Each structure stands twice: as C-alpha cells, then as structure tokens.
Amino acid sequence: MLIGYARVSKADGSQSLDLQHDALRAAGVEPGNIYDDRASGSRDDRPGLAACLKSLRDGDVLIVWKLDRLGRTLTHLVSTVQNLSDRGIGLRVLTGKGAQIDTTTPSGRMVFGIFATLAEFERDMIRERTMAGLAAARARGRKGGRKFALSKAQVRLAQAAMAQRDTSVSDLCKELGIERGLCCKNREA
C-alpha cells in the first residue's frame, strides 16, 4: 500500500499542503492514506508523522514530496529510513534533492547507503570536535563535569560526625545542606 506524508511549517511560505497532497495523489496515494503536519521539522512532536509511521506495514511504501519533509537532520533522516527498511517498508521521494531515493529499487538503496555513510561521517566529526574541545579545555586547566557538592573540609566534617554514635544523619544533612543519599555516599570516602 502507498502511504503519503506531507509537512509545512509557518516558515514555509512557498510550500502548501495542497501542492504536496496533489503530488502524493498523482503518485498513486489514496487521499485517505495521506498524513500531514503543520509544524517545524525541528520539532519532535509531529503527530501526523507519528501516526503515519505507526500505520505503515511490511511491504508498504512511504511517499514524501521532498526528503526534508521527513527528517530534521541527516542523522534523524537516516535513522527514520533505516527503521522503515528494518520493518520492510520502502521510501520514495518525489522531488527535490532526494528524488533519486526510492528504496524499492537497487539504485535507490545505493543512494540511501551513501546518505547513511554521510550521516555516520557527520556523527564521527561531531565526536571528534567534541573530544578536541574537551582536550583543549583540560590543557587550559578546566575540568569538565559537575562541581562537587561537598568540599573536602565538609566531607571530613561529615565523616568525623558520622564516626560518633550519637550523630543524627538527618541533622547532619540539614546542617550541610545536602541530601541524605549524598551524606551516606561520602561516609566511606
């Protein structure tokens, strides 16, 4: 079965749902099998897309007007299409830069494979830049992560107080301004 998905956002002044619906119907999608959203592609909560993806079954083909209607980023797009492929669902893009993608054909699967490789490259580059930034920060003496909740002096004070049998953990936590779990965690430190 052919299932269509269309999306427009407020920023897409030149794109209308009618144009996309017409293109989807011309591609053979029945009007009752077209899902749509009026939301930015950067938003995670797209109920039309969620309903569309849920309705797809093994052997179905999802048809979109343009590739950017389906995914927020290349990584998100590749993840979505990989999920479709794993479920035995094809993807066909009607126009735009992704129009070569028709995962129901060998050449379409090859083009998608190239996109998947680019997405993996993008993830690797982000990871590489992040690691380089962290290394540069460490070289400048900056430490990452959360600040310690207790100073060393507070830890020693808590340990000394806990060594005495008459110390109330609750009272100690109130005095230090910390949660009970943190106090118990630092008991042995």
C-alpha atoms as a PDB file:
ATOM      1  CA  MET A   1       0.000   0.000   0.000  1.00  0.00           C
ATOM      2  CA  LEU A   2       1.168   3.532  -0.730  1.00  0.00           C
ATOM      3  CA  ILE A   3       1.166   5.914   2.253  1.00  0.00           C
ATOM      4  CA  GLY A   4       1.917   9.626   1.913  1.00  0.00           C
ATOM      5  CA  TYR A   5       3.289  12.184   4.346  1.00  0.00           C
ATOM      6  CA  ALA A   6       3.270  15.968   3.897  1.00  0.00           C
ATOM      7  CA  ARG A   7       4.524  18.740   6.175  1.00  0.00           C
ATOM      8  CA  VAL A   8       4.542  22.504   6.092  1.00  0.00           C
ATOM      9  CA  SER A   9       5.714  24.974   8.690  1.00  0.00           C
ATOM     10  CA  LYS A  10       4.911  28.632   9.171  1.00  0.00           C
ATOM     11  CA  ALA A  11       8.323  29.468   7.734  1.00  0.00           C
ATOM     12  CA  ASP A  12       7.491  27.618   4.507  1.00  0.00           C
ATOM     13  CA  GLY A  13       5.543  30.404   2.860  1.00  0.00           C
ATOM     14  CA  SER A  14       6.088  28.985  -0.628  1.00  0.00           C
ATOM     15  CA  GLN A  15       5.052  25.428   0.241  1.00  0.00           C
ATOM     16  CA  SER A  16       1.475  24.405   0.814  1.00  0.00           C
ATOM     17  CA  LEU A  17      -0.109  21.162   1.879  1.00  0.00           C
ATOM     18  CA  ASP A  18      -2.342  21.285  -1.211  1.00  0.00           C
ATOM     19  CA  LEU A  19       0.688  21.168  -3.506  1.00  0.00           C
ATOM     20  CA  GLN A  20       2.132  18.200  -1.610  1.00  0.00           C
ATOM     21  CA  HIS A  21      -1.241  16.404  -1.421  1.00  0.00           C
ATOM     22  CA  ASP A  22      -1.689  16.833  -5.197  1.00  0.00           C
ATOM     23  CA  ALA A  23       1.782  15.387  -5.847  1.00  0.00           C
ATOM     24  CA  LEU A  24       1.148  12.461  -3.492  1.00  0.00           C
ATOM     25  CA  ARG A  25      -2.209  11.686  -5.141  1.00  0.00           C
ATOM     26  CA  ALA A  26      -0.560  11.886  -8.589  1.00  0.00           C
ATOM     27  CA  ALA A  27       1.971   9.303  -7.344  1.00  0.00           C
ATOM     28  CA  GLY A  28      -0.898   6.929  -6.567  1.00  0.00           C
ATOM     29  CA  VAL A  29      -1.537   7.586  -2.864  1.00  0.00           C
ATOM     30  CA  GLU A  30      -5.221   7.404  -1.917  1.00  0.00           C
ATOM     31  CA  PRO A  31      -6.443  10.596  -0.169  1.00  0.00           C
ATOM     32  CA  GLY A  32      -7.300   8.610   2.997  1.00  0.00           C
ATOM     33  CA  ASN A  33      -3.694   7.397   3.207  1.00  0.00           C
ATOM     34  CA  ILE A  34      -2.091  10.841   3.396  1.00  0.00           C
ATOM     35  CA  TYR A  35      -0.895  12.092   6.775  1.00  0.00           C
ATOM     36  CA  ASP A  36       0.259  15.649   7.355  1.00  0.00           C
ATOM     37  CA  ASP A  37       1.636  18.090   9.901  1.00  0.00           C
ATOM     38  CA  ARG A  38       1.690  21.852  10.173  1.00  0.00           C
ATOM     39  CA  ALA A  39       4.837  22.103  12.258  1.00  0.00           C
ATOM     40  CA  SER A  40       8.508  22.879  12.021  1.00  0.00           C
ATOM     41  CA  GLY A  41      10.686  19.942  11.020  1.00  0.00           C
ATOM     42  CA  SER A  42      12.864  20.673  14.043  1.00  0.00           C
ATOM     43  CA  ARG A  43      10.061  19.722  16.415  1.00  0.00           C
ATOM     44  CA  ASP A  44       9.946  16.199  17.789  1.00  0.00           C
ATOM     45  CA  ASP A  45       6.196  16.220  18.382  1.00  0.00           C
ATOM     46  CA  ARG A  46       4.752  15.717  14.916  1.00  0.00           C
ATOM     47  CA  PRO A  47       1.544  13.754  15.443  1.00  0.00           C
ATOM     48  CA  GLY A  48       0.921  13.301  11.719  1.00  0.00           C
ATOM     49  CA  LEU A  49       4.333  11.702  11.204  1.00  0.00           C
ATOM     50  CA  ALA A  50       3.909   9.536  14.296  1.00  0.00           C
ATOM     51  CA  ALA A  51       0.514   8.291  13.045  1.00  0.00           C
ATOM     52  CA  CYS A  52       1.942   7.748   9.562  1.00  0.00           C
ATOM     53  CA  LEU A  53       4.890   5.693  10.796  1.00  0.00           C
ATOM     54  CA  LYS A  54       2.606   3.677  13.063  1.00  0.00           C
ATOM     55  CA  SER A  55       0.223   2.859  10.197  1.00  0.00           C
ATOM     56  CA  LEU A  56       2.957   1.507   7.904  1.00  0.00           C
ATOM     57  CA  ARG A  57       3.171  -2.274   7.496  1.00  0.00           C
ATOM     58  CA  ASP A  58       5.616  -4.668   5.858  1.00  0.00           C
ATOM     59  CA  GLY A  59       5.505  -4.178   2.086  1.00  0.00           C
ATOM     60  CA  ASP A  60       4.101  -0.610   2.239  1.00  0.00           C
ATOM     61  CA  VAL A  61       5.850   2.326   0.588  1.00  0.00           C
ATOM     62  CA  LEU A  62       6.057   5.739   2.249  1.00  0.00           C
ATOM     63  CA  ILE A  63       5.964   8.556  -0.281  1.00  0.00           C
ATOM     64  CA  VAL A  64       7.065  12.093   0.535  1.00  0.00           C
ATOM     65  CA  TRP A  65       7.120  15.150  -1.677  1.00  0.00           C
ATOM     66  CA  LYS A  66      10.639  16.194  -0.627  1.00  0.00           C
ATOM     67  CA  LEU A  67      13.141  14.481   1.636  1.00  0.00           C
ATOM     68  CA  ASP A  68      13.337  17.439   4.027  1.00  0.00           C
ATOM     69  CA  ARG A  69       9.637  16.946   4.815  1.00  0.00           C
ATOM     70  CA  LEU A  70      10.501  13.679   6.574  1.00  0.00           C
ATOM     71  CA  GLY A  71      13.574  14.379   8.705  1.00  0.00           C
ATOM     72  CA  ARG A  72      15.001  17.131  10.888  1.00  0.00           C
ATOM     73  CA  THR A  73      18.665  16.333  10.333  1.00  0.00           C
ATOM     74  CA  LEU A  74      20.597  13.921   8.181  1.00  0.00           C
ATOM     75  CA  THR A  75      21.140  11.715  11.214  1.00  0.00           C
ATOM     76  CA  HIS A  76      17.427  11.747  12.107  1.00  0.00           C
ATOM     77  CA  LEU A  77      16.510  11.092   8.493  1.00  0.00           C
ATOM     78  CA  VAL A  78      18.879   8.142   8.168  1.00  0.00           C
ATOM     79  CA  SER A  79      17.563   6.710  11.435  1.00  0.00           C
ATOM     80  CA  THR A  80      13.957   7.013  10.238  1.00  0.00           C
ATOM     81  CA  VAL A  81      14.673   5.429   6.859  1.00  0.00           C
ATOM     82  CA  GLN A  82      16.731   2.652   8.468  1.00  0.00           C
ATOM     83  CA  ASN A  83      13.778   1.949  10.769  1.00  0.00           C
ATOM     84  CA  LEU A  84      11.494   1.769   7.723  1.00  0.00           C
ATOM     85  CA  SER A  85      13.898  -0.578   5.960  1.00  0.00           C
ATOM     86  CA  ASP A  86      14.153  -2.834   9.020  1.00  0.00           C
ATOM     87  CA  ARG A  87      10.354  -3.094   9.017  1.00  0.00           C
ATOM     88  CA  GLY A  88      10.232  -3.980   5.303  1.00  0.00           C
ATOM     89  CA  ILE A  89       8.846  -0.579   4.264  1.00  0.00           C
ATOM     90  CA  GLY A  90      10.053   1.287   1.176  1.00  0.00           C
ATOM     91  CA  LEU A  91      10.554   5.042   0.760  1.00  0.00           C
ATOM     92  CA  ARG A  92      10.012   7.094  -2.376  1.00  0.00           C
ATOM     93  CA  VAL A  93      10.873  10.799  -2.661  1.00  0.00           C
ATOM     94  CA  LEU A  94       9.037  12.634  -5.436  1.00  0.00           C
ATOM     95  CA  THR A  95      11.038  15.816  -5.982  1.00  0.00           C
ATOM     96  CA  GLY A  96      13.976  17.872  -4.762  1.00  0.00           C
ATOM     97  CA  LYS A  97      17.498  16.810  -3.871  1.00  0.00           C
ATOM     98  CA  GLY A  98      16.432  13.408  -2.558  1.00  0.00           C
ATOM     99  CA  ALA A  99      14.361  12.482  -5.621  1.00  0.00           C
ATOM    100  CA  GLN A 100      16.865   9.746  -6.501  1.00  0.00           C
ATOM    101  CA  ILE A 101      15.784   7.849  -3.397  1.00  0.00           C
ATOM    102  CA  ASP A 102      13.375   5.028  -3.987  1.00  0.00           C
ATOM    103  CA  THR A 103      14.397   2.281  -1.610  1.00  0.00           C
ATOM    104  CA  THR A 104      12.216  -0.163  -3.501  1.00  0.00           C
ATOM    105  CA  THR A 105      14.880  -0.177  -6.266  1.00  0.00           C
ATOM    106  CA  PRO A 106      18.557  -1.218  -6.134  1.00  0.00           C
ATOM    107  CA  SER A 107      19.799   2.217  -7.242  1.00  0.00           C
ATOM    108  CA  GLY A 108      17.603   3.923  -4.644  1.00  0.00           C
ATOM    109  CA  ARG A 109      19.011   1.708  -1.914  1.00  0.00           C
ATOM    110  CA  MET A 110      22.519   2.590  -3.111  1.00  0.00           C
ATOM    111  CA  VAL A 111      21.798   6.331  -2.931  1.00  0.00           C
ATOM    112  CA  PHE A 112      20.351   5.879   0.542  1.00  0.00           C
ATOM    113  CA  GLY A 113      23.500   3.938   1.512  1.00  0.00           C
ATOM    114  CA  ILE A 114      25.535   6.985   0.529  1.00  0.00           C
ATOM    115  CA  PHE A 115      23.325   9.172   2.730  1.00  0.00           C
ATOM    116  CA  ALA A 116      23.782   6.720   5.615  1.00  0.00           C
ATOM    117  CA  THR A 117      27.555   6.867   5.178  1.00  0.00           C
ATOM    118  CA  LEU A 118      27.436  10.671   5.209  1.00  0.00           C
ATOM    119  CA  ALA A 119      25.365  10.616   8.404  1.00  0.00           C
ATOM    120  CA  GLU A 120      27.892   8.319  10.059  1.00  0.00           C
ATOM    121  CA  PHE A 121      30.679  10.668   8.919  1.00  0.00           C
ATOM    122  CA  GLU A 122      28.747  13.611  10.427  1.00  0.00           C
ATOM    123  CA  ARG A 123      28.442  11.790  13.791  1.00  0.00           C
ATOM    124  CA  ASP A 124      32.168  10.958  13.743  1.00  0.00           C
ATOM    125  CA  MET A 125      33.072  14.579  13.002  1.00  0.00           C
ATOM    126  CA  ILE A 126      30.887  15.825  15.873  1.00  0.00           C
ATOM    127  CA  ARG A 127      32.502  13.311  18.228  1.00  0.00           C
ATOM    128  CA  GLU A 128      35.989  14.314  17.028  1.00  0.00           C
ATOM    129  CA  ARG A 129      35.294  18.035  17.528  1.00  0.00           C
ATOM    130  CA  THR A 130      33.844  17.369  20.978  1.00  0.00           C
ATOM    131  CA  MET A 131      36.885  15.361  22.059  1.00  0.00           C
ATOM    132  CA  ALA A 132      39.243  18.036  20.705  1.00  0.00           C
ATOM    133  CA  GLY A 133      37.330  20.721  22.614  1.00  0.00           C
ATOM    134  CA  LEU A 134      37.465  18.737  25.847  1.00  0.00           C
ATOM    135  CA  ALA A 135      41.203  18.115  25.417  1.00  0.00           C
ATOM    136  CA  ALA A 136      41.819  21.827  24.788  1.00  0.00           C
ATOM    137  CA  ALA A 137      39.805  22.719  27.898  1.00  0.00           C
ATOM    138  CA  ARG A 138      41.796  20.236  30.012  1.00  0.00           C
ATOM    139  CA  ALA A 139      45.048  21.690  28.639  1.00  0.00           C
ATOM    140  CA  ARG A 140      43.896  25.111  29.892  1.00  0.00           C
ATOM    141  CA  GLY A 141      43.259  23.610  33.328  1.00  0.00           C
ATOM    142  CA  ARG A 142      39.491  23.365  33.081  1.00  0.00           C
ATOM    143  CA  LYS A 143      37.762  20.310  34.414  1.00  0.00           C
ATOM    144  CA  GLY A 144      34.527  19.024  32.974  1.00  0.00           C
ATOM    145  CA  GLY A 145      31.540  17.721  34.804  1.00  0.00           C
ATOM    146  CA  ARG A 146      29.517  18.848  37.746  1.00  0.00           C
ATOM    147  CA  LYS A 147      31.027  20.755  40.637  1.00  0.00           C
ATOM    148  CA  PHE A 148      31.500  18.784  43.812  1.00  0.00           C
ATOM    149  CA  ALA A 149      28.544  19.066  46.190  1.00  0.00           C
ATOM    150  CA  LEU A 150      30.814  18.993  49.232  1.00  0.00           C
ATOM    151  CA  SER A 151      34.225  20.490  49.804  1.00  0.00           C
ATOM    152  CA  LYS A 152      36.956  18.282  51.239  1.00  0.00           C
ATOM    153  CA  ALA A 153      36.536  20.030  54.578  1.00  0.00           C
ATOM    154  CA  GLN A 154      32.806  19.261  54.584  1.00  0.00           C
ATOM    155  CA  VAL A 155      33.482  15.617  53.753  1.00  0.00           C
ATOM    156  CA  ARG A 156      35.966  15.362  56.665  1.00  0.00           C
ATOM    157  CA  LEU A 157      33.455  17.060  58.976  1.00  0.00           C
ATOM    158  CA  ALA A 158      30.704  14.670  57.924  1.00  0.00           C
ATOM    159  CA  GLN A 159      32.968  11.634  58.358  1.00  0.00           C
ATOM    160  CA  ALA A 160      34.033  12.763  61.836  1.00  0.00           C
ATOM    161  CA  ALA A 161      30.423  13.405  62.836  1.00  0.00           C
ATOM    162  CA  MET A 162      29.302  10.035  61.470  1.00  0.00           C
ATOM    163  CA  ALA A 163      32.035   8.277  63.465  1.00  0.00           C
ATOM    164  CA  GLN A 164      30.237   9.342  66.629  1.00  0.00           C
ATOM    165  CA  ARG A 165      27.277   7.137  67.511  1.00  0.00           C
ATOM    166  CA  ASP A 166      25.030   9.960  68.720  1.00  0.00           C
ATOM    167  CA  THR A 167      25.089  11.853  65.385  1.00  0.00           C
ATOM    168  CA  SER A 168      21.780  12.014  63.538  1.00  0.00           C
ATOM    169  CA  VAL A 169      22.226  11.631  59.776  1.00  0.00           C
ATOM    170  CA  SER A 170      19.181  13.838  59.178  1.00  0.00           C
ATOM    171  CA  ASP A 171      20.542  16.628  61.386  1.00  0.00           C
ATOM    172  CA  LEU A 172      23.966  16.409  59.733  1.00  0.00           C
ATOM    173  CA  CYS A 173      22.400  16.614  56.260  1.00  0.00           C
ATOM    174  CA  LYS A 174      20.376  19.677  57.261  1.00  0.00           C
ATOM    175  CA  GLU A 175      23.495  21.343  58.658  1.00  0.00           C
ATOM    176  CA  LEU A 176      25.479  20.682  55.473  1.00  0.00           C
ATOM    177  CA  GLY A 177      22.523  21.459  53.184  1.00  0.00           C
ATOM    178  CA  ILE A 178      22.730  18.157  51.333  1.00  0.00           C
ATOM    179  CA  GLU A 179      20.521  15.170  50.587  1.00  0.00           C
ATOM    180  CA  ARG A 180      20.697  12.085  52.817  1.00  0.00           C
ATOM    181  CA  GLY A 181      21.993   9.892  49.964  1.00  0.00           C
ATOM    182  CA  LEU A 182      24.978  12.161  49.368  1.00  0.00           C
ATOM    183  CA  CYS A 183      25.854  12.085  53.063  1.00  0.00           C
ATOM    184  CA  CYS A 184      25.777   8.285  53.134  1.00  0.00           C
ATOM    185  CA  LYS A 185      27.738   8.090  49.882  1.00  0.00           C
ATOM    186  CA  ASN A 186      30.558  10.177  51.381  1.00  0.00           C
ATOM    187  CA  ARG A 187      30.594   8.254  54.666  1.00  0.00           C
ATOM    188  CA  GLU A 188      33.336   5.932  53.389  1.00  0.00           C
ATOM    189  CA  ALA A 189      35.125   8.398  51.083  1.00  0.00           C
END
